[in-house]
Protein backbone atom coordinates (compact mmCIF):
# COMPACT_ATOMS: atom_id res chain seq x y z
CA MET A 1 -14.86 23.67 17.47
CA GLU A 2 -12.60 21.16 15.76
CA LEU A 3 -11.16 21.68 12.31
CA PRO A 4 -10.48 18.17 10.94
CA TRP A 5 -9.44 19.52 7.53
CA LEU A 6 -6.77 21.70 9.16
CA GLN A 7 -5.36 18.66 10.96
CA SER A 8 -5.34 16.72 7.66
CA VAL A 9 -3.53 19.51 5.82
CA ALA A 10 -0.95 19.75 8.61
CA ALA A 11 -0.37 15.98 8.52
CA LEU A 12 0.03 16.03 4.74
CA ALA A 13 2.50 18.91 4.97
CA ALA A 14 4.51 17.01 7.59
CA VAL A 15 4.66 13.88 5.40
CA VAL A 16 5.75 15.87 2.33
CA LEU A 17 8.43 17.66 4.38
CA LEU A 18 9.75 14.37 5.76
CA ALA A 19 9.86 12.80 2.28
CA TRP A 20 11.73 15.81 0.91
CA ALA A 21 14.22 15.74 3.82
CA ALA A 22 14.80 11.99 3.34
CA GLY A 23 15.50 12.53 -0.36
CA GLN A 24 17.99 15.32 0.36
CA TRP A 25 19.73 13.18 2.97
CA ALA A 26 19.96 10.20 0.57
CA ARG A 27 21.39 12.36 -2.24
CA ARG A 28 24.02 13.88 0.04
CA ARG A 29 25.15 10.43 1.11
CA GLY A 30 25.24 9.05 -2.41
CA LEU A 31 22.37 6.63 -1.82
CA ALA A 32 20.17 8.17 -4.51
CA ALA A 33 21.42 9.08 -7.96
CA PRO A 34 20.61 12.54 -9.26
CA ALA A 35 17.96 12.63 -11.95
CA ALA A 36 19.58 12.07 -15.32
CA GLY A 37 17.96 13.88 -18.18
CA ARG A 38 18.56 13.68 -21.88
CA LEU A 39 19.88 17.24 -22.07
CA SER A 40 22.65 18.79 -19.98
CA VAL A 41 25.17 21.60 -20.14
CA ALA A 42 28.62 20.04 -20.46
CA ALA A 43 30.52 23.36 -20.36
CA ALA A 44 29.98 27.07 -20.80
CA CYS A 45 32.30 30.06 -21.05
CA ALA A 46 32.00 33.76 -21.72
CA VAL A 47 33.12 34.85 -25.18
CA ASP A 48 32.73 38.55 -24.30
CA ALA A 49 30.52 40.67 -22.06
CA ARG A 50 27.34 39.75 -23.96
CA ARG A 51 27.94 36.32 -25.51
CA ARG A 52 28.55 32.80 -24.17
CA ALA A 53 29.62 29.59 -25.84
CA VAL A 54 27.69 26.63 -24.46
CA LEU A 55 28.49 22.97 -25.04
CA LEU A 56 25.26 20.97 -24.75
CA ARG A 57 25.12 17.19 -24.34
CA CYS A 58 22.07 15.40 -25.71
CA ASP A 59 21.72 11.62 -26.07
CA GLY A 60 25.48 11.12 -26.07
CA ARG A 61 26.17 13.83 -28.66
CA GLU A 62 27.54 17.30 -28.05
CA ALA A 63 26.48 20.53 -29.75
CA LEU A 64 28.07 23.96 -29.61
CA VAL A 65 25.69 26.92 -29.23
CA LEU A 66 26.50 30.63 -29.08
CA THR A 67 24.06 32.59 -26.90
CA SER A 68 23.57 36.36 -26.94
CA PRO A 69 20.83 38.90 -26.21
CA ALA A 70 20.14 39.07 -29.97
CA GLY A 71 19.43 35.33 -30.09
CA ASP A 72 21.06 31.93 -30.03
CA THR A 73 23.09 30.39 -32.85
CA PHE A 74 23.64 26.66 -33.33
CA LEU A 75 27.28 26.31 -34.43
CA GLY A 76 27.26 22.57 -35.02
CA TRP A 77 27.81 19.13 -33.59
CA VAL A 78 31.15 18.45 -31.92
CA GLU A 79 32.99 15.38 -33.14
CA LYS A 80 34.36 13.16 -30.38
CA GLY A 81 37.77 11.75 -30.84
């Protein structure tokens, strides 16, 4: 008894795997740029055992945020210059 749907699923899985592998190969060789989002972490450092200072970059601006288990605090926008 043949299972044509099983063969189709296997073929689809093979195509997805090959596409993923080709994308990884292209990124490693610099042929494909990494996805650029509007928001990124520019820097982060530990203030103490429970808190971190995080510099976020959004649309060309930078904001300083203090994170802790009690909650996050927006400290302000960082002036460039």
